[in-house]
Amino acid sequence: MAVAPVFLQYNQRIEGRLCREFLASLIRALIEWEIRQAMTRENPSELSVHPEDQGCDAPFATQLLAIFDDLARHRLFEGDTVLMDLSKCDHC
């Protein structure tokens, strides 16, 4: 992770950005840890997460989350009523 100068008017905004980056790194690490723990329990030798369908014995969170890139569900609600369904995929 690279760090660059941040020019913001208020210190609270800088603190907020650093907190957001810390939480994102923590979540990414937890995803990777959970997947690796599951791989240890289930004992697969590797997961196919690469575009070339090559196996990977220690996948990164970005590789795992990329699997779900084409899935999205966007709905516009007013109260409990769905006004518009803007899903990108037909099976969502």
N, C-alpha and C. Protein backbone atom coordinates (compact mmCIF):
# COMPACT_ATOMS: atom_id res chain seq x y z
N MET A 1 0.86 -1.17 0.00
CA MET A 1 0.00 0.00 0.00
C MET A 1 0.90 1.23 0.00
N ALA A 2 0.69 2.12 -0.94
CA ALA A 2 1.48 3.34 -1.04
C ALA A 2 0.80 4.46 -0.26
N VAL A 3 1.60 5.34 0.27
CA VAL A 3 1.09 6.50 0.99
C VAL A 3 1.52 7.74 0.24
N ALA A 4 0.57 8.62 -0.02
CA ALA A 4 0.83 9.87 -0.72
C ALA A 4 0.37 11.03 0.15
N PRO A 5 0.92 12.21 -0.08
CA PRO A 5 0.45 13.37 0.71
C PRO A 5 -1.02 13.63 0.48
N VAL A 6 -1.71 13.99 1.55
CA VAL A 6 -3.13 14.30 1.47
C VAL A 6 -3.31 15.72 1.96
N PHE A 7 -3.91 16.55 1.13
CA PHE A 7 -4.13 17.94 1.47
C PHE A 7 -5.61 18.16 1.71
N LEU A 8 -6.01 18.07 2.96
CA LEU A 8 -7.39 18.28 3.34
C LEU A 8 -7.43 19.41 4.36
N GLN A 9 -8.55 20.07 4.40
CA GLN A 9 -8.66 21.25 5.25
C GLN A 9 -8.74 20.91 6.73
N TYR A 10 -9.35 19.80 7.06
CA TYR A 10 -9.58 19.46 8.46
C TYR A 10 -8.89 18.15 8.82
N ASN A 11 -8.31 18.11 10.02
CA ASN A 11 -7.64 16.89 10.48
C ASN A 11 -8.60 15.71 10.57
N GLN A 12 -9.87 15.98 10.87
CA GLN A 12 -10.85 14.89 10.98
C GLN A 12 -11.01 14.16 9.65
N ARG A 13 -10.88 14.87 8.56
CA ARG A 13 -11.00 14.21 7.25
C ARG A 13 -9.81 13.30 6.99
N ILE A 14 -8.63 13.75 7.40
CA ILE A 14 -7.45 12.90 7.25
C ILE A 14 -7.59 11.66 8.12
N GLU A 15 -8.04 11.84 9.35
CA GLU A 15 -8.26 10.71 10.25
C GLU A 15 -9.30 9.75 9.67
N GLY A 16 -10.34 10.30 9.07
CA GLY A 16 -11.37 9.47 8.45
C GLY A 16 -10.83 8.65 7.30
N ARG A 17 -10.01 9.26 6.47
CA ARG A 17 -9.42 8.53 5.34
C ARG A 17 -8.50 7.42 5.82
N LEU A 18 -7.69 7.72 6.84
CA LEU A 18 -6.79 6.69 7.38
C LEU A 18 -7.58 5.56 8.02
N CYS A 19 -8.66 5.89 8.70
CA CYS A 19 -9.52 4.87 9.31
C CYS A 19 -10.14 3.99 8.22
N ARG A 20 -10.60 4.61 7.15
CA ARG A 20 -11.20 3.85 6.05
C ARG A 20 -10.17 2.90 5.42
N GLU A 21 -8.94 3.37 5.21
CA GLU A 21 -7.90 2.52 4.63
C GLU A 21 -7.53 1.38 5.58
N PHE A 22 -7.47 1.69 6.87
CA PHE A 22 -7.17 0.65 7.86
C PHE A 22 -8.25 -0.42 7.86
N LEU A 23 -9.51 0.01 7.87
CA LEU A 23 -10.61 -0.96 7.88
C LEU A 23 -10.63 -1.80 6.60
N ALA A 24 -10.35 -1.18 5.46
CA ALA A 24 -10.31 -1.93 4.20
C ALA A 24 -9.20 -2.97 4.23
N SER A 25 -8.04 -2.61 4.76
CA SER A 25 -6.92 -3.57 4.87
C SER A 25 -7.26 -4.68 5.84
N LEU A 26 -7.92 -4.35 6.92
CA LEU A 26 -8.31 -5.35 7.91
C LEU A 26 -9.32 -6.34 7.33
N ILE A 27 -10.31 -5.83 6.62
CA ILE A 27 -11.32 -6.69 6.00
C ILE A 27 -10.69 -7.59 4.95
N ARG A 28 -9.78 -7.03 4.14
CA ARG A 28 -9.07 -7.82 3.13
C ARG A 28 -8.27 -8.95 3.80
N ALA A 29 -7.59 -8.64 4.89
CA ALA A 29 -6.81 -9.66 5.60
C ALA A 29 -7.72 -10.72 6.22
N LEU A 30 -8.86 -10.31 6.75
CA LEU A 30 -9.79 -11.28 7.33
C LEU A 30 -10.38 -12.22 6.28
N ILE A 31 -10.68 -11.69 5.11
CA ILE A 31 -11.19 -12.53 4.01
C ILE A 31 -10.14 -13.57 3.64
N GLU A 32 -8.89 -13.12 3.45
CA GLU A 32 -7.82 -14.04 3.08
C GLU A 32 -7.61 -15.09 4.17
N TRP A 33 -7.63 -14.68 5.44
CA TRP A 33 -7.42 -15.61 6.54
C TRP A 33 -8.53 -16.65 6.59
N GLU A 34 -9.78 -16.20 6.43
CA GLU A 34 -10.92 -17.11 6.48
C GLU A 34 -10.87 -18.12 5.35
N ILE A 35 -10.53 -17.68 4.15
CA ILE A 35 -10.43 -18.59 3.01
C ILE A 35 -9.32 -19.61 3.24
N ARG A 36 -8.18 -19.16 3.73
CA ARG A 36 -7.07 -20.08 3.97
C ARG A 36 -7.39 -21.07 5.08
N GLN A 37 -8.13 -20.63 6.11
CA GLN A 37 -8.56 -21.55 7.17
C GLN A 37 -9.52 -22.58 6.61
N ALA A 38 -10.45 -22.16 5.75
CA ALA A 38 -11.40 -23.09 5.13
C ALA A 38 -10.67 -24.07 4.22
N MET A 39 -9.65 -23.58 3.52
CA MET A 39 -8.88 -24.49 2.66
C MET A 39 -8.14 -25.52 3.50
N THR A 40 -7.67 -25.14 4.67
CA THR A 40 -6.99 -26.08 5.56
C THR A 40 -7.98 -27.13 6.08
N ARG A 41 -9.19 -26.69 6.44
CA ARG A 41 -10.21 -27.64 6.94
C ARG A 41 -10.68 -28.59 5.84
N GLU A 42 -10.99 -28.03 4.68
CA GLU A 42 -11.57 -28.84 3.59
C GLU A 42 -10.51 -29.59 2.80
N ASN A 43 -9.27 -29.16 2.92
CA ASN A 43 -8.11 -29.80 2.30
C ASN A 43 -8.10 -29.80 0.77
N PRO A 44 -8.54 -28.73 0.10
CA PRO A 44 -8.30 -28.67 -1.34
C PRO A 44 -6.85 -28.24 -1.57
N SER A 45 -6.25 -28.73 -2.62
CA SER A 45 -4.86 -28.35 -2.87
C SER A 45 -4.77 -26.92 -3.40
N GLU A 46 -5.79 -26.49 -4.13
CA GLU A 46 -5.77 -25.13 -4.68
C GLU A 46 -7.16 -24.73 -5.17
N LEU A 47 -7.35 -23.42 -5.37
CA LEU A 47 -8.59 -22.88 -5.92
C LEU A 47 -8.31 -22.30 -7.29
N SER A 48 -9.26 -22.40 -8.19
CA SER A 48 -9.11 -21.82 -9.53
C SER A 48 -9.67 -20.41 -9.51
N VAL A 49 -8.81 -19.44 -9.26
CA VAL A 49 -9.25 -18.05 -9.18
C VAL A 49 -8.64 -17.18 -10.28
N HIS A 50 -7.71 -17.73 -11.04
CA HIS A 50 -7.08 -16.97 -12.10
C HIS A 50 -7.91 -17.05 -13.39
N PRO A 51 -7.83 -16.03 -14.24
CA PRO A 51 -8.58 -16.08 -15.51
C PRO A 51 -8.19 -17.27 -16.37
N GLU A 52 -6.95 -17.72 -16.27
CA GLU A 52 -6.49 -18.86 -17.08
C GLU A 52 -6.92 -20.18 -16.46
N ASP A 53 -7.71 -20.13 -15.37
CA ASP A 53 -8.19 -21.30 -14.65
C ASP A 53 -7.05 -22.08 -14.02
N GLN A 54 -5.97 -21.37 -13.69
CA GLN A 54 -4.86 -22.00 -12.99
C GLN A 54 -5.18 -22.02 -11.50
N GLY A 55 -4.69 -23.03 -10.84
CA GLY A 55 -4.93 -23.15 -9.42
C GLY A 55 -4.07 -22.20 -8.60
N CYS A 56 -4.52 -21.90 -7.41
CA CYS A 56 -3.80 -21.02 -6.50
C CYS A 56 -3.94 -21.60 -5.10
N ASP A 57 -2.80 -21.84 -4.43
CA ASP A 57 -2.87 -22.44 -3.10
C ASP A 57 -3.05 -21.41 -1.99
N ALA A 58 -2.85 -20.13 -2.27
CA ALA A 58 -3.04 -19.06 -1.28
C ALA A 58 -3.63 -17.84 -1.98
N PRO A 59 -4.93 -17.85 -2.26
CA PRO A 59 -5.53 -16.75 -3.02
C PRO A 59 -5.60 -15.46 -2.22
N PHE A 60 -5.47 -14.35 -2.92
CA PHE A 60 -5.61 -13.03 -2.32
C PHE A 60 -7.07 -12.60 -2.37
N ALA A 61 -7.45 -11.67 -1.50
CA ALA A 61 -8.84 -11.20 -1.44
C ALA A 61 -9.27 -10.58 -2.76
N THR A 62 -8.38 -9.86 -3.42
CA THR A 62 -8.75 -9.24 -4.70
C THR A 62 -9.09 -10.29 -5.75
N GLN A 63 -8.36 -11.42 -5.74
CA GLN A 63 -8.68 -12.50 -6.68
C GLN A 63 -10.03 -13.12 -6.36
N LEU A 64 -10.30 -13.28 -5.08
CA LEU A 64 -11.57 -13.89 -4.68
C LEU A 64 -12.75 -12.98 -4.97
N LEU A 65 -12.61 -11.70 -4.69
CA LEU A 65 -13.70 -10.76 -4.92
C LEU A 65 -13.93 -10.51 -6.41
N ALA A 66 -12.90 -10.70 -7.23
CA ALA A 66 -13.06 -10.52 -8.68
C ALA A 66 -14.02 -11.55 -9.27
N ILE A 67 -14.19 -12.67 -8.60
CA ILE A 67 -15.13 -13.70 -9.06
C ILE A 67 -16.55 -13.13 -9.12
N PHE A 68 -16.85 -12.20 -8.23
CA PHE A 68 -18.20 -11.66 -8.12
C PHE A 68 -18.37 -10.31 -8.83
N ASP A 69 -17.40 -9.91 -9.66
CA ASP A 69 -17.47 -8.61 -10.33
C ASP A 69 -18.69 -8.44 -11.22
N ASP A 70 -19.10 -9.52 -11.90
CA ASP A 70 -20.21 -9.39 -12.84
C ASP A 70 -21.57 -9.52 -12.17
N LEU A 71 -21.60 -9.74 -10.87
CA LEU A 71 -22.86 -9.85 -10.14
C LEU A 71 -23.16 -8.55 -9.42
N ALA A 72 -24.34 -8.05 -9.61
CA ALA A 72 -24.76 -6.83 -8.91
C ALA A 72 -26.28 -6.79 -8.84
N ARG A 73 -26.77 -6.20 -7.78
CA ARG A 73 -28.21 -6.02 -7.65
C ARG A 73 -28.43 -4.60 -7.15
N HIS A 74 -29.16 -3.85 -7.94
CA HIS A 74 -29.48 -2.47 -7.59
C HIS A 74 -30.98 -2.30 -7.68
N ARG A 75 -31.59 -1.94 -6.59
CA ARG A 75 -33.03 -1.74 -6.57
C ARG A 75 -33.33 -0.39 -5.93
N LEU A 76 -34.28 0.31 -6.51
CA LEU A 76 -34.72 1.59 -5.98
C LEU A 76 -36.03 1.37 -5.23
N PHE A 77 -36.03 1.68 -3.94
CA PHE A 77 -37.18 1.45 -3.08
C PHE A 77 -37.82 2.77 -2.67
N GLU A 78 -39.12 2.72 -2.47
CA GLU A 78 -39.84 3.76 -1.77
C GLU A 78 -40.66 3.05 -0.70
N GLY A 79 -40.17 3.12 0.53
CA GLY A 79 -40.78 2.33 1.59
C GLY A 79 -40.47 0.86 1.34
N ASP A 80 -41.50 0.02 1.29
CA ASP A 80 -41.33 -1.40 1.01
C ASP A 80 -41.57 -1.74 -0.46
N THR A 81 -41.87 -0.75 -1.28
CA THR A 81 -42.19 -0.98 -2.69
C THR A 81 -40.95 -0.79 -3.55
N VAL A 82 -40.70 -1.76 -4.44
CA VAL A 82 -39.59 -1.65 -5.39
C VAL A 82 -40.07 -0.80 -6.56
N LEU A 83 -39.44 0.37 -6.74
CA LEU A 83 -39.81 1.24 -7.84
C LEU A 83 -39.13 0.82 -9.14
N MET A 84 -37.85 0.41 -9.03
CA MET A 84 -37.10 0.07 -10.23
C MET A 84 -36.04 -0.96 -9.87
N ASP A 85 -35.86 -1.96 -10.73
CA ASP A 85 -34.82 -2.96 -10.57
C ASP A 85 -33.76 -2.70 -11.63
N LEU A 86 -32.57 -2.32 -11.19
CA LEU A 86 -31.49 -1.93 -12.10
C LEU A 86 -30.37 -2.97 -12.10
N SER A 87 -30.69 -4.24 -11.91
CA SER A 87 -29.67 -5.28 -11.82
C SER A 87 -28.93 -5.40 -13.15
N LYS A 88 -27.61 -5.63 -13.04
CA LYS A 88 -26.79 -5.80 -14.23
C LYS A 88 -26.91 -7.18 -14.81
N CYS A 89 -27.26 -8.17 -14.00
CA CYS A 89 -27.35 -9.52 -14.50
C CYS A 89 -28.78 -10.03 -14.48
N ASP A 90 -29.09 -10.95 -15.34
CA ASP A 90 -30.46 -11.45 -15.47
C ASP A 90 -30.84 -12.41 -14.36
N HIS A 91 -29.87 -13.09 -13.74
CA HIS A 91 -30.18 -14.10 -12.74
C HIS A 91 -30.11 -13.59 -11.31
N CYS A 92 -29.98 -12.28 -11.09
CA CYS A 92 -29.90 -11.73 -9.73
C CYS A 92 -31.28 -11.59 -9.12
